[in-house]
Amino acid sequence: MHTPEQPTLQSRRVRRWLTHLWREWTIESWRPITPAFVKPEPLRWNDSEVTAAWIGHATVLINFFGIIILTDPVLFPRVGIRLPGFTIGPKRLIAPALQFRELPRIDLILLSHAHFDHFDLRTLHCFDEDTRVITAPNTADLLRWTRLRDITALRWGETKVLNFDQQTKGNVAISAFEVRHWGARKQRDDYRGYNGYVMERNKRRILTRANGRRALAAIR
């Protein structure tokens, strides 16, 4: 008597993935994205102060005494695997408070880890080689097809002092620290790192961490 083959773990994962895709393209595709509640006006910010605005999820725009910093930029309707003409992945609930064209010139991007909702290549392709990047260990390879070239990977406990004297803006020190999270982008690349950061300038500190909830944790 033939015994039916039991479903394997891999086949169950495939079915769950196909079910997820079906839901995304039948239900989520029709769901509208809620407009942002507030629209920041960064061009009116004072470069002699510290100003920050939540753009969405883990994306925070910071004017740190004239140095413009953006954390984990994600500005498109979906995150996930990009295919020609569409993206396979979750749809955002709330629109970003600013579109890319509305951002000021970004001096520095901080990337906490390689999850799709923090390390969005479609957004990162919008920036050019003049924007500097601090990222977690073993994630810089993901940026090879972007125009970003000034990339530093920091391990926990390491500090990088960035000099913006050419723009007459001075220096900012970025230190990486351990957070309670994980860094894998896909199923088997768990070697990728994950960081929180402390930014220090003019005797003031800003702390950011890898989790999207309360990404900007403190300003002191």
N, C-alpha and C. Protein backbone atom coordinates (compact mmCIF):
# COMPACT_ATOMS: atom_id res chain seq x y z
N MET A 1 0.84 -1.20 0.00
CA MET A 1 0.00 0.00 0.00
C MET A 1 0.87 1.24 0.00
N HIS A 2 0.57 2.19 -0.89
CA HIS A 2 1.39 3.40 -1.02
C HIS A 2 1.04 4.41 0.07
N THR A 3 2.03 4.85 0.78
CA THR A 3 1.84 5.87 1.83
C THR A 3 2.11 7.25 1.24
N PRO A 4 1.14 8.16 1.35
CA PRO A 4 1.38 9.50 0.80
C PRO A 4 2.60 10.16 1.43
N GLU A 5 3.34 10.84 0.59
CA GLU A 5 4.54 11.53 1.08
C GLU A 5 4.16 12.69 1.99
N GLN A 6 4.82 12.76 3.13
CA GLN A 6 4.56 13.84 4.07
C GLN A 6 5.18 15.13 3.56
N PRO A 7 4.49 16.27 3.77
CA PRO A 7 5.06 17.54 3.31
C PRO A 7 6.34 17.87 4.06
N THR A 8 7.33 18.30 3.37
CA THR A 8 8.60 18.68 3.98
C THR A 8 8.54 20.12 4.46
N LEU A 9 9.53 20.46 5.30
CA LEU A 9 9.59 21.84 5.80
C LEU A 9 9.73 22.82 4.65
N GLN A 10 10.53 22.46 3.65
CA GLN A 10 10.74 23.35 2.52
C GLN A 10 9.44 23.56 1.74
N SER A 11 8.66 22.49 1.53
CA SER A 11 7.41 22.63 0.77
C SER A 11 6.41 23.48 1.53
N ARG A 12 6.38 23.36 2.87
CA ARG A 12 5.48 24.20 3.66
C ARG A 12 5.87 25.67 3.55
N ARG A 13 7.17 25.94 3.53
CA ARG A 13 7.63 27.32 3.37
C ARG A 13 7.23 27.87 2.01
N VAL A 14 7.34 27.03 0.99
CA VAL A 14 6.96 27.48 -0.36
C VAL A 14 5.47 27.82 -0.39
N ARG A 15 4.63 26.97 0.22
CA ARG A 15 3.20 27.24 0.24
C ARG A 15 2.86 28.51 1.01
N ARG A 16 3.55 28.70 2.13
CA ARG A 16 3.32 29.94 2.90
C ARG A 16 3.73 31.16 2.09
N TRP A 17 4.85 31.05 1.37
CA TRP A 17 5.32 32.16 0.55
C TRP A 17 4.34 32.45 -0.59
N LEU A 18 3.84 31.41 -1.24
CA LEU A 18 2.88 31.61 -2.32
C LEU A 18 1.57 32.21 -1.79
N THR A 19 1.15 31.77 -0.61
CA THR A 19 -0.06 32.34 0.00
C THR A 19 0.15 33.81 0.32
N HIS A 20 1.34 34.12 0.82
CA HIS A 20 1.66 35.52 1.11
C HIS A 20 1.63 36.37 -0.16
N LEU A 21 2.23 35.87 -1.23
CA LEU A 21 2.24 36.62 -2.49
C LEU A 21 0.81 36.83 -3.00
N TRP A 22 -0.01 35.79 -2.90
CA TRP A 22 -1.39 35.92 -3.35
C TRP A 22 -2.12 37.00 -2.56
N ARG A 23 -1.93 37.03 -1.26
CA ARG A 23 -2.57 38.05 -0.44
C ARG A 23 -2.07 39.44 -0.81
N GLU A 24 -0.75 39.55 -1.04
CA GLU A 24 -0.17 40.85 -1.37
C GLU A 24 -0.79 41.41 -2.66
N TRP A 25 -1.00 40.55 -3.65
CA TRP A 25 -1.44 41.05 -4.95
C TRP A 25 -2.95 41.00 -5.14
N THR A 26 -3.68 40.47 -4.18
CA THR A 26 -5.14 40.50 -4.28
C THR A 26 -5.77 41.47 -3.28
N ILE A 27 -5.22 41.55 -2.09
CA ILE A 27 -5.78 42.40 -1.05
C ILE A 27 -4.96 43.67 -0.87
N GLU A 28 -3.66 43.49 -0.62
CA GLU A 28 -2.81 44.64 -0.31
C GLU A 28 -2.66 45.60 -1.49
N SER A 29 -2.69 45.09 -2.71
CA SER A 29 -2.52 45.98 -3.86
C SER A 29 -3.61 47.03 -3.94
N TRP A 30 -4.79 46.70 -3.42
CA TRP A 30 -5.91 47.65 -3.49
C TRP A 30 -6.00 48.56 -2.27
N ARG A 31 -5.24 48.24 -1.24
CA ARG A 31 -5.31 49.05 -0.02
C ARG A 31 -4.60 50.39 -0.22
N PRO A 32 -5.26 51.51 0.05
CA PRO A 32 -4.58 52.80 -0.09
C PRO A 32 -3.56 53.01 1.01
N ILE A 33 -2.54 53.78 0.71
CA ILE A 33 -1.53 54.14 1.70
C ILE A 33 -1.96 55.45 2.36
N THR A 34 -2.02 55.45 3.67
CA THR A 34 -2.46 56.64 4.41
C THR A 34 -1.45 57.76 4.26
N PRO A 35 -1.88 58.98 3.95
CA PRO A 35 -0.94 60.10 3.86
C PRO A 35 -0.24 60.37 5.19
N ALA A 36 0.96 60.93 5.12
CA ALA A 36 1.68 61.29 6.34
C ALA A 36 0.90 62.35 7.11
N PHE A 37 1.00 62.29 8.43
CA PHE A 37 0.23 63.20 9.27
C PHE A 37 0.79 64.63 9.24
N VAL A 38 2.12 64.75 9.12
CA VAL A 38 2.79 66.05 9.17
C VAL A 38 3.86 66.09 8.09
N LYS A 39 4.06 67.25 7.49
CA LYS A 39 5.09 67.40 6.47
C LYS A 39 6.20 68.32 7.02
N PRO A 40 7.38 67.78 7.27
CA PRO A 40 8.48 68.62 7.77
C PRO A 40 8.91 69.65 6.72
N GLU A 41 9.57 70.70 7.18
CA GLU A 41 10.10 71.74 6.30
C GLU A 41 11.59 71.93 6.58
N PRO A 42 12.41 70.97 6.16
CA PRO A 42 13.84 71.01 6.52
C PRO A 42 14.59 72.22 5.99
N LEU A 43 14.12 72.84 4.92
CA LEU A 43 14.81 74.02 4.40
C LEU A 43 14.68 75.21 5.34
N ARG A 44 13.78 75.13 6.29
CA ARG A 44 13.61 76.19 7.26
C ARG A 44 14.32 75.91 8.58
N TRP A 45 14.96 74.77 8.68
CA TRP A 45 15.66 74.42 9.92
C TRP A 45 16.91 75.27 10.10
N ASN A 46 17.27 75.50 11.34
CA ASN A 46 18.43 76.33 11.70
C ASN A 46 19.67 75.45 11.85
N ASP A 47 20.73 75.77 11.10
CA ASP A 47 21.95 74.96 11.15
C ASP A 47 22.72 75.11 12.46
N SER A 48 22.32 76.02 13.31
CA SER A 48 22.98 76.17 14.61
C SER A 48 22.29 75.36 15.70
N GLU A 49 21.32 74.53 15.31
CA GLU A 49 20.55 73.74 16.26
C GLU A 49 20.54 72.27 15.85
N VAL A 50 19.98 71.44 16.71
CA VAL A 50 19.73 70.03 16.40
C VAL A 50 18.24 69.87 16.12
N THR A 51 17.90 69.41 14.91
CA THR A 51 16.50 69.24 14.53
C THR A 51 16.34 67.86 13.90
N ALA A 52 15.24 67.19 14.21
CA ALA A 52 14.99 65.86 13.65
C ALA A 52 13.52 65.72 13.29
N ALA A 53 13.25 64.94 12.25
CA ALA A 53 11.87 64.66 11.82
C ALA A 53 11.76 63.20 11.44
N TRP A 54 10.69 62.56 11.92
CA TRP A 54 10.41 61.17 11.54
C TRP A 54 9.79 61.15 10.15
N ILE A 55 10.44 60.45 9.22
CA ILE A 55 9.96 60.35 7.84
C ILE A 55 9.07 59.12 7.67
N GLY A 56 9.35 58.07 8.43
CA GLY A 56 8.55 56.85 8.35
C GLY A 56 9.37 55.65 8.75
N HIS A 57 8.76 54.71 9.50
CA HIS A 57 9.41 53.50 10.00
C HIS A 57 10.73 53.86 10.69
N ALA A 58 11.89 53.45 10.14
CA ALA A 58 13.17 53.77 10.77
C ALA A 58 13.88 54.93 10.10
N THR A 59 13.22 55.62 9.19
CA THR A 59 13.83 56.72 8.46
C THR A 59 13.62 58.02 9.23
N VAL A 60 14.73 58.61 9.68
CA VAL A 60 14.70 59.87 10.42
C VAL A 60 15.66 60.84 9.73
N LEU A 61 15.19 62.05 9.49
CA LEU A 61 16.01 63.11 8.92
C LEU A 61 16.51 64.00 10.05
N ILE A 62 17.82 64.21 10.11
CA ILE A 62 18.44 64.95 11.21
C ILE A 62 19.31 66.06 10.66
N ASN A 63 19.13 67.26 11.20
CA ASN A 63 20.07 68.35 10.98
C ASN A 63 20.89 68.48 12.26
N PHE A 64 22.13 68.01 12.21
CA PHE A 64 22.99 67.98 13.39
C PHE A 64 23.99 69.12 13.29
N PHE A 65 23.54 70.31 13.68
CA PHE A 65 24.36 71.53 13.57
C PHE A 65 24.89 71.71 12.15
N GLY A 66 24.01 71.54 11.17
CA GLY A 66 24.37 71.80 9.77
C GLY A 66 24.76 70.58 8.97
N ILE A 67 25.06 69.46 9.62
CA ILE A 67 25.33 68.20 8.91
C ILE A 67 24.01 67.45 8.78
N ILE A 68 23.62 67.12 7.56
CA ILE A 68 22.32 66.51 7.31
C ILE A 68 22.48 64.99 7.22
N ILE A 69 21.79 64.29 8.11
CA ILE A 69 21.92 62.84 8.26
C ILE A 69 20.56 62.19 8.03
N LEU A 70 20.57 61.04 7.35
CA LEU A 70 19.35 60.28 7.11
C LEU A 70 19.58 58.84 7.55
N THR A 71 18.69 58.32 8.40
CA THR A 71 18.84 56.95 8.88
C THR A 71 17.95 56.00 8.08
N ASP A 72 18.49 54.85 7.73
CA ASP A 72 17.75 53.76 7.07
C ASP A 72 16.69 54.26 6.09
N PRO A 73 17.11 54.94 5.01
CA PRO A 73 16.12 55.55 4.11
C PRO A 73 15.28 54.54 3.34
N VAL A 74 13.95 54.66 3.48
CA VAL A 74 12.98 53.85 2.73
C VAL A 74 11.87 54.80 2.31
N LEU A 75 11.75 55.05 1.00
CA LEU A 75 10.86 56.11 0.54
C LEU A 75 9.86 55.65 -0.52
N PHE A 76 9.82 54.36 -0.83
CA PHE A 76 8.92 53.87 -1.86
C PHE A 76 7.75 53.10 -1.25
N PRO A 77 6.69 52.83 -2.03
CA PRO A 77 5.49 52.19 -1.47
C PRO A 77 5.70 50.78 -0.95
N ARG A 78 6.64 50.04 -1.52
CA ARG A 78 6.89 48.67 -1.09
C ARG A 78 8.38 48.45 -0.85
N VAL A 79 8.68 47.48 0.03
CA VAL A 79 10.04 47.00 0.21
C VAL A 79 10.06 45.51 -0.10
N GLY A 80 11.23 45.02 -0.52
CA GLY A 80 11.34 43.61 -0.82
C GLY A 80 12.22 43.36 -2.03
N ILE A 81 11.97 42.26 -2.71
CA ILE A 81 12.78 41.88 -3.87
C ILE A 81 12.27 42.65 -5.09
N ARG A 82 13.17 43.40 -5.70
CA ARG A 82 12.82 44.23 -6.85
C ARG A 82 12.95 43.44 -8.14
N LEU A 83 11.85 43.40 -8.90
CA LEU A 83 11.83 42.80 -10.23
C LEU A 83 11.45 43.89 -11.23
N PRO A 84 11.68 43.67 -12.53
CA PRO A 84 11.34 44.71 -13.50
C PRO A 84 9.88 45.15 -13.39
N GLY A 85 9.68 46.39 -12.99
CA GLY A 85 8.34 46.95 -12.96
C GLY A 85 7.58 46.83 -11.66
N PHE A 86 8.05 45.98 -10.73
CA PHE A 86 7.33 45.85 -9.46
C PHE A 86 8.24 45.27 -8.39
N THR A 87 7.78 45.38 -7.14
CA THR A 87 8.52 44.89 -5.98
C THR A 87 7.70 43.83 -5.27
N ILE A 88 8.31 42.69 -4.96
CA ILE A 88 7.65 41.64 -4.19
C ILE A 88 7.98 41.87 -2.72
N GLY A 89 6.99 42.28 -1.95
CA GLY A 89 7.22 42.53 -0.54
C GLY A 89 6.13 43.37 0.07
N PRO A 90 6.22 43.67 1.36
CA PRO A 90 5.16 44.38 2.07
C PRO A 90 4.94 45.79 1.55
N LYS A 91 3.69 46.21 1.64
CA LYS A 91 3.31 47.56 1.26
C LYS A 91 3.23 48.42 2.51
N ARG A 92 3.73 49.63 2.42
CA ARG A 92 3.76 50.45 3.62
C ARG A 92 2.35 50.91 4.00
N LEU A 93 2.15 51.17 5.28
CA LEU A 93 0.86 51.61 5.79
C LEU A 93 0.68 53.11 5.65
N ILE A 94 1.77 53.87 5.91
CA ILE A 94 1.72 55.33 5.89
C ILE A 94 2.77 55.83 4.92
N ALA A 95 2.43 56.81 4.11
CA ALA A 95 3.37 57.38 3.15
C ALA A 95 4.50 58.09 3.87
N PRO A 96 5.69 58.12 3.27
CA PRO A 96 6.78 58.88 3.90
C PRO A 96 6.43 60.36 3.99
N ALA A 97 6.90 61.01 5.05
CA ALA A 97 6.57 62.42 5.26
C ALA A 97 7.20 63.31 4.19
N LEU A 98 8.30 62.85 3.57
CA LEU A 98 8.94 63.57 2.48
C LEU A 98 9.31 62.58 1.37
N GLN A 99 9.14 63.00 0.12
CA GLN A 99 9.64 62.24 -1.01
C GLN A 99 11.11 62.59 -1.24
N PHE A 100 11.80 61.78 -2.04
CA PHE A 100 13.23 62.02 -2.26
C PHE A 100 13.49 63.44 -2.77
N ARG A 101 12.68 63.89 -3.71
CA ARG A 101 12.90 65.22 -4.29
C ARG A 101 12.71 66.34 -3.28
N GLU A 102 12.07 66.06 -2.16
CA GLU A 102 11.82 67.07 -1.14
C GLU A 102 12.88 67.09 -0.04
N LEU A 103 13.81 66.14 -0.09
CA LEU A 103 14.87 66.09 0.91
C LEU A 103 15.91 67.17 0.66
N PRO A 104 16.54 67.68 1.70
CA PRO A 104 17.72 68.53 1.49
C PRO A 104 18.89 67.66 1.05
N ARG A 105 19.99 68.30 0.70
CA ARG A 105 21.19 67.55 0.33
C ARG A 105 21.65 66.71 1.52
N ILE A 106 21.76 65.39 1.33
CA ILE A 106 22.11 64.49 2.43
C ILE A 106 23.63 64.33 2.48
N ASP A 107 24.21 64.64 3.64
CA ASP A 107 25.65 64.48 3.83
C ASP A 107 26.01 63.05 4.21
N LEU A 108 25.17 62.42 5.02
CA LEU A 108 25.52 61.12 5.59
C LEU A 108 24.28 60.24 5.72
N ILE A 109 24.41 58.98 5.31
CA ILE A 109 23.37 57.97 5.51
C ILE A 109 23.88 56.96 6.53
N LEU A 110 23.05 56.66 7.53
CA LEU A 110 23.36 55.60 8.49
C LEU A 110 22.48 54.40 8.20
N LEU A 111 23.10 53.25 7.97
CA LEU A 111 22.37 52.00 7.70
C LEU A 111 22.61 51.06 8.87
N SER A 112 21.55 50.67 9.56
CA SER A 112 21.70 49.87 10.78
C SER A 112 21.90 48.39 10.49
N HIS A 113 21.21 47.86 9.48
CA HIS A 113 21.32 46.44 9.14
C HIS A 113 20.65 46.21 7.79
N ALA A 114 20.70 44.97 7.32
CA ALA A 114 20.36 44.68 5.92
C ALA A 114 18.92 44.24 5.70
N HIS A 115 18.06 44.26 6.71
CA HIS A 115 16.65 43.91 6.47
C HIS A 115 16.08 44.80 5.36
N PHE A 116 15.18 44.26 4.57
CA PHE A 116 14.63 44.99 3.43
C PHE A 116 13.96 46.30 3.84
N ASP A 117 13.37 46.34 5.03
CA ASP A 117 12.66 47.54 5.46
C ASP A 117 13.58 48.59 6.09
N HIS A 118 14.88 48.32 6.10
CA HIS A 118 15.87 49.29 6.60
C HIS A 118 16.93 49.59 5.55
N PHE A 119 17.17 48.66 4.65
CA PHE A 119 18.24 48.75 3.66
C PHE A 119 17.58 48.61 2.30
N ASP A 120 16.91 49.68 1.86
CA ASP A 120 16.09 49.64 0.64
C ASP A 120 16.93 50.10 -0.55
N LEU A 121 17.33 49.16 -1.38
CA LEU A 121 18.22 49.49 -2.49
C LEU A 121 17.57 50.44 -3.49
N ARG A 122 16.27 50.34 -3.67
CA ARG A 122 15.61 51.23 -4.62
C ARG A 122 15.76 52.69 -4.17
N THR A 123 15.63 52.93 -2.88
CA THR A 123 15.84 54.29 -2.35
C THR A 123 17.31 54.66 -2.41
N LEU A 124 18.20 53.75 -2.03
CA LEU A 124 19.63 54.05 -2.01
C LEU A 124 20.18 54.35 -3.39
N HIS A 125 19.57 53.83 -4.43
CA HIS A 125 19.98 54.14 -5.81
C HIS A 125 19.75 55.62 -6.14
N CYS A 126 18.94 56.30 -5.39
CA CYS A 126 18.64 57.71 -5.67
C CYS A 126 19.78 58.64 -5.28
N PHE A 127 20.67 58.20 -4.40
CA PHE A 127 21.75 59.05 -3.91
C PHE A 127 22.99 58.90 -4.78
N ASP A 128 23.85 59.94 -4.78
CA ASP A 128 25.04 59.89 -5.61
C ASP A 128 26.30 59.72 -4.77
N GLU A 129 27.46 59.81 -5.44
CA GLU A 129 28.73 59.51 -4.80
C GLU A 129 29.15 60.55 -3.76
N ASP A 130 28.48 61.70 -3.71
CA ASP A 130 28.84 62.73 -2.73
C ASP A 130 28.27 62.45 -1.34
N THR A 131 27.34 61.51 -1.24
CA THR A 131 26.76 61.16 0.06
C THR A 131 27.57 60.04 0.70
N ARG A 132 27.97 60.26 1.95
CA ARG A 132 28.75 59.27 2.67
C ARG A 132 27.81 58.27 3.36
N VAL A 133 28.35 57.07 3.62
CA VAL A 133 27.54 56.00 4.22
C VAL A 133 28.31 55.35 5.36
N ILE A 134 27.64 55.17 6.49
CA ILE A 134 28.12 54.30 7.56
C ILE A 134 27.16 53.12 7.62
N THR A 135 27.71 51.90 7.63
CA THR A 135 26.85 50.71 7.62
C THR A 135 27.42 49.65 8.54
N ALA A 136 26.68 48.57 8.70
CA ALA A 136 27.09 47.46 9.56
C ALA A 136 28.05 46.53 8.83
N PRO A 137 28.79 45.70 9.57
CA PRO A 137 29.73 44.78 8.92
C PRO A 137 29.03 43.84 7.92
N ASN A 138 29.75 43.52 6.86
CA ASN A 138 29.29 42.55 5.85
C ASN A 138 27.98 42.96 5.18
N THR A 139 27.79 44.26 5.00
CA THR A 139 26.62 44.76 4.26
C THR A 139 27.02 45.67 3.09
N ALA A 140 28.26 46.14 3.06
CA ALA A 140 28.68 47.09 2.02
C ALA A 140 28.59 46.49 0.63
N ASP A 141 28.69 45.16 0.50
CA ASP A 141 28.62 44.52 -0.81
C ASP A 141 27.25 44.75 -1.47
N LEU A 142 26.22 44.96 -0.68
CA LEU A 142 24.88 45.19 -1.23
C LEU A 142 24.79 46.52 -1.97
N LEU A 143 25.75 47.42 -1.72
CA LEU A 143 25.72 48.76 -2.32
C LEU A 143 26.54 48.84 -3.61
N ARG A 144 27.06 47.73 -4.08
CA ARG A 144 28.01 47.79 -5.19
C ARG A 144 27.40 48.31 -6.49
N TRP A 145 26.08 48.17 -6.67
CA TRP A 145 25.46 48.65 -7.91
C TRP A 145 24.84 50.04 -7.74
N THR A 146 25.03 50.66 -6.60
CA THR A 146 24.58 52.04 -6.41
C THR A 146 25.71 53.00 -6.78
N ARG A 147 25.42 54.30 -6.73
CA ARG A 147 26.46 55.30 -6.98
C ARG A 147 27.21 55.68 -5.72
N LEU A 148 26.82 55.14 -4.59
CA LEU A 148 27.47 55.44 -3.31
C LEU A 148 28.87 54.82 -3.29
N ARG A 149 29.87 55.62 -2.94
CA ARG A 149 31.25 55.15 -2.98
C ARG A 149 32.00 55.35 -1.66
N ASP A 150 31.66 56.36 -0.89
CA ASP A 150 32.34 56.63 0.38
C ASP A 150 31.60 55.86 1.48
N ILE A 151 31.97 54.58 1.65
CA ILE A 151 31.23 53.66 2.52
C ILE A 151 32.17 53.13 3.61
N THR A 152 31.74 53.23 4.86
CA THR A 152 32.50 52.71 5.99
C THR A 152 31.64 51.73 6.76
N ALA A 153 32.17 50.53 7.00
CA ALA A 153 31.48 49.54 7.82
C ALA A 153 32.10 49.56 9.22
N LEU A 154 31.26 49.76 10.23
CA LEU A 154 31.74 49.83 11.61
C LEU A 154 31.31 48.59 12.38
N ARG A 155 32.23 48.06 13.17
CA ARG A 155 31.91 47.00 14.11
C ARG A 155 31.58 47.60 15.46
N TRP A 156 30.96 46.81 16.33
CA TRP A 156 30.61 47.30 17.65
C TRP A 156 31.86 47.83 18.35
N GLY A 157 31.74 49.01 18.94
CA GLY A 157 32.85 49.61 19.66
C GLY A 157 33.76 50.47 18.81
N GLU A 158 33.58 50.44 17.49
CA GLU A 158 34.41 51.27 16.62
C GLU A 158 33.79 52.64 16.40
N THR A 159 34.66 53.64 16.15
CA THR A 159 34.24 55.02 15.92
C THR A 159 34.88 55.55 14.65
N LYS A 160 34.13 56.29 13.88
CA LYS A 160 34.62 56.93 12.67
C LYS A 160 34.33 58.43 12.77
N VAL A 161 35.39 59.25 12.61
CA VAL A 161 35.21 60.70 12.59
C VAL A 161 35.18 61.15 11.13
N LEU A 162 34.06 61.72 10.72
CA LEU A 162 33.90 62.19 9.35
C LEU A 162 34.12 63.69 9.30
N ASN A 163 34.93 64.10 8.35
CA ASN A 163 35.28 65.51 8.20
C ASN A 163 34.52 66.11 7.03
N PHE A 164 33.76 67.16 7.31
CA PHE A 164 32.99 67.84 6.28
C PHE A 164 33.52 69.27 6.08
N ASP A 165 34.83 69.45 6.27
CA ASP A 165 35.42 70.79 6.17
C ASP A 165 35.26 71.39 4.78
N GLN A 166 35.25 70.54 3.74
CA GLN A 166 35.08 71.07 2.38
C GLN A 166 33.74 71.78 2.23
N GLN A 167 32.74 71.34 2.99
CA GLN A 167 31.44 72.02 2.98
C GLN A 167 31.33 73.02 4.14
N THR A 168 32.50 73.28 4.80
CA THR A 168 32.57 74.20 5.95
C THR A 168 31.58 73.79 7.04
N LYS A 169 31.43 72.48 7.26
CA LYS A 169 30.49 72.00 8.26
C LYS A 169 31.17 71.37 9.47
N GLY A 170 32.49 71.08 9.36
CA GLY A 170 33.19 70.50 10.49
C GLY A 170 33.09 68.99 10.54
N ASN A 171 33.22 68.43 11.75
CA ASN A 171 33.30 66.98 11.93
C ASN A 171 32.10 66.43 12.69
N VAL A 172 31.87 65.12 12.51
CA VAL A 172 30.91 64.38 13.32
C VAL A 172 31.51 63.00 13.59
N ALA A 173 31.41 62.55 14.83
CA ALA A 173 31.91 61.23 15.21
C ALA A 173 30.75 60.25 15.29
N ILE A 174 30.90 59.10 14.63
CA ILE A 174 29.88 58.05 14.62
C ILE A 174 30.45 56.81 15.29
N SER A 175 29.79 56.33 16.34
CA SER A 175 30.22 55.13 17.05
C SER A 175 29.13 54.06 16.93
N ALA A 176 29.56 52.82 16.69
CA ALA A 176 28.61 51.70 16.58
C ALA A 176 28.56 50.95 17.90
N PHE A 177 27.35 50.47 18.23
CA PHE A 177 27.21 49.67 19.45
C PHE A 177 26.26 48.50 19.19
N GLU A 178 26.33 47.52 20.07
CA GLU A 178 25.51 46.31 19.92
C GLU A 178 24.06 46.60 20.30
N VAL A 179 23.14 46.04 19.52
CA VAL A 179 21.71 46.14 19.82
C VAL A 179 21.12 44.73 19.84
N ARG A 180 19.93 44.61 20.37
CA ARG A 180 19.26 43.30 20.44
C ARG A 180 18.44 43.13 19.17
N HIS A 181 19.04 42.55 18.16
CA HIS A 181 18.39 42.41 16.86
C HIS A 181 19.12 41.31 16.10
N TRP A 182 18.99 41.29 14.77
CA TRP A 182 19.74 40.37 13.93
C TRP A 182 19.89 41.02 12.57
N GLY A 183 20.81 40.49 11.73
CA GLY A 183 21.18 41.22 10.52
C GLY A 183 20.88 40.55 9.20
N ALA A 184 20.38 39.31 9.19
CA ALA A 184 20.20 38.58 7.93
C ALA A 184 19.21 39.28 7.02
N ARG A 185 19.54 39.35 5.73
CA ARG A 185 18.63 39.93 4.73
C ARG A 185 17.74 38.85 4.13
N LYS A 186 18.31 37.68 3.95
CA LYS A 186 17.57 36.55 3.39
C LYS A 186 17.67 35.39 4.38
N GLN A 187 17.44 34.20 3.92
CA GLN A 187 17.34 33.07 4.84
C GLN A 187 18.70 32.60 5.36
N ARG A 188 19.73 32.73 4.53
CA ARG A 188 21.00 32.09 4.89
C ARG A 188 22.17 33.07 5.04
N ASP A 189 21.94 34.37 5.02
CA ASP A 189 23.06 35.32 5.15
C ASP A 189 23.08 35.93 6.55
N ASP A 190 23.05 35.05 7.55
CA ASP A 190 23.03 35.54 8.92
C ASP A 190 24.40 36.03 9.40
N TYR A 191 25.38 36.07 8.50
CA TYR A 191 26.68 36.63 8.82
C TYR A 191 26.67 38.17 8.77
N ARG A 192 25.59 38.75 8.27
CA ARG A 192 25.55 40.21 8.14
C ARG A 192 25.35 40.86 9.52
N GLY A 193 26.01 42.00 9.70
CA GLY A 193 25.98 42.65 11.00
C GLY A 193 24.77 43.54 11.21
N TYR A 194 24.68 44.11 12.40
CA TYR A 194 23.58 45.01 12.77
C TYR A 194 24.09 45.95 13.86
N ASN A 195 23.79 47.23 13.73
CA ASN A 195 24.34 48.25 14.61
C ASN A 195 23.28 49.21 15.12
N GLY A 196 23.53 49.75 16.30
CA GLY A 196 22.99 51.03 16.70
C GLY A 196 24.12 52.04 16.59
N TYR A 197 23.80 53.33 16.58
CA TYR A 197 24.83 54.35 16.41
C TYR A 197 24.66 55.48 17.41
N VAL A 198 25.79 56.04 17.83
CA VAL A 198 25.81 57.29 18.57
C VAL A 198 26.55 58.31 17.71
N MET A 199 25.89 59.43 17.45
CA MET A 199 26.50 60.54 16.72
C MET A 199 26.88 61.62 17.73
N GLU A 200 28.09 62.17 17.60
CA GLU A 200 28.54 63.18 18.56
C GLU A 200 29.15 64.37 17.82
N ARG A 201 28.69 65.56 18.24
CA ARG A 201 29.15 66.79 17.59
C ARG A 201 28.81 67.97 18.51
N ASN A 202 29.74 68.89 18.65
CA ASN A 202 29.50 70.10 19.46
C ASN A 202 28.99 69.76 20.86
N LYS A 203 29.56 68.69 21.45
CA LYS A 203 29.22 68.25 22.81
C LYS A 203 27.77 67.79 22.95
N ARG A 204 27.15 67.42 21.85
CA ARG A 204 25.80 66.85 21.87
C ARG A 204 25.86 65.46 21.26
N ARG A 205 24.96 64.59 21.71
CA ARG A 205 24.92 63.21 21.22
C ARG A 205 23.52 62.85 20.78
N ILE A 206 23.46 62.05 19.71
CA ILE A 206 22.20 61.49 19.22
C ILE A 206 22.39 59.98 19.13
N LEU A 207 21.43 59.23 19.66
CA LEU A 207 21.50 57.78 19.64
C LEU A 207 20.39 57.23 18.74
N THR A 208 20.77 56.35 17.82
CA THR A 208 19.80 55.64 16.99
C THR A 208 20.04 54.15 17.15
N ARG A 209 18.99 53.35 16.91
CA ARG A 209 19.15 51.91 17.04
C ARG A 209 18.47 51.20 15.87
N ALA A 210 18.71 49.90 15.78
CA ALA A 210 18.33 49.14 14.58
C ALA A 210 16.83 48.93 14.45
N ASN A 211 16.10 48.91 15.53
CA ASN A 211 14.68 48.60 15.47
C ASN A 211 13.90 49.79 14.93
N GLY A 212 12.92 49.53 14.02
CA GLY A 212 12.14 50.60 13.43
C GLY A 212 11.32 51.38 14.47
N ARG A 213 10.87 50.68 15.50
CA ARG A 213 10.10 51.35 16.55
C ARG A 213 11.04 52.18 17.41
N ARG A 214 10.78 53.46 17.54
CA ARG A 214 11.62 54.39 18.29
C ARG A 214 13.04 54.32 17.77
N ALA A 215 13.22 54.48 16.44
CA ALA A 215 14.54 54.40 15.83
C ALA A 215 15.46 55.48 16.37
N LEU A 216 14.92 56.70 16.58
CA LEU A 216 15.70 57.77 17.18
C LEU A 216 15.42 57.71 18.68
N ALA A 217 16.40 57.17 19.43
CA ALA A 217 16.12 56.86 20.83
C ALA A 217 16.39 58.02 21.78
N ALA A 218 17.37 58.88 21.48
CA ALA A 218 17.70 59.93 22.44
C ALA A 218 18.53 61.02 21.78
N ILE A 219 18.36 62.25 22.25
CA ILE A 219 19.20 63.39 21.90
C ILE A 219 19.65 64.01 23.21
N ARG A 220 20.95 64.14 23.41
CA ARG A 220 21.48 64.69 24.65
C ARG A 220 22.51 65.77 24.36
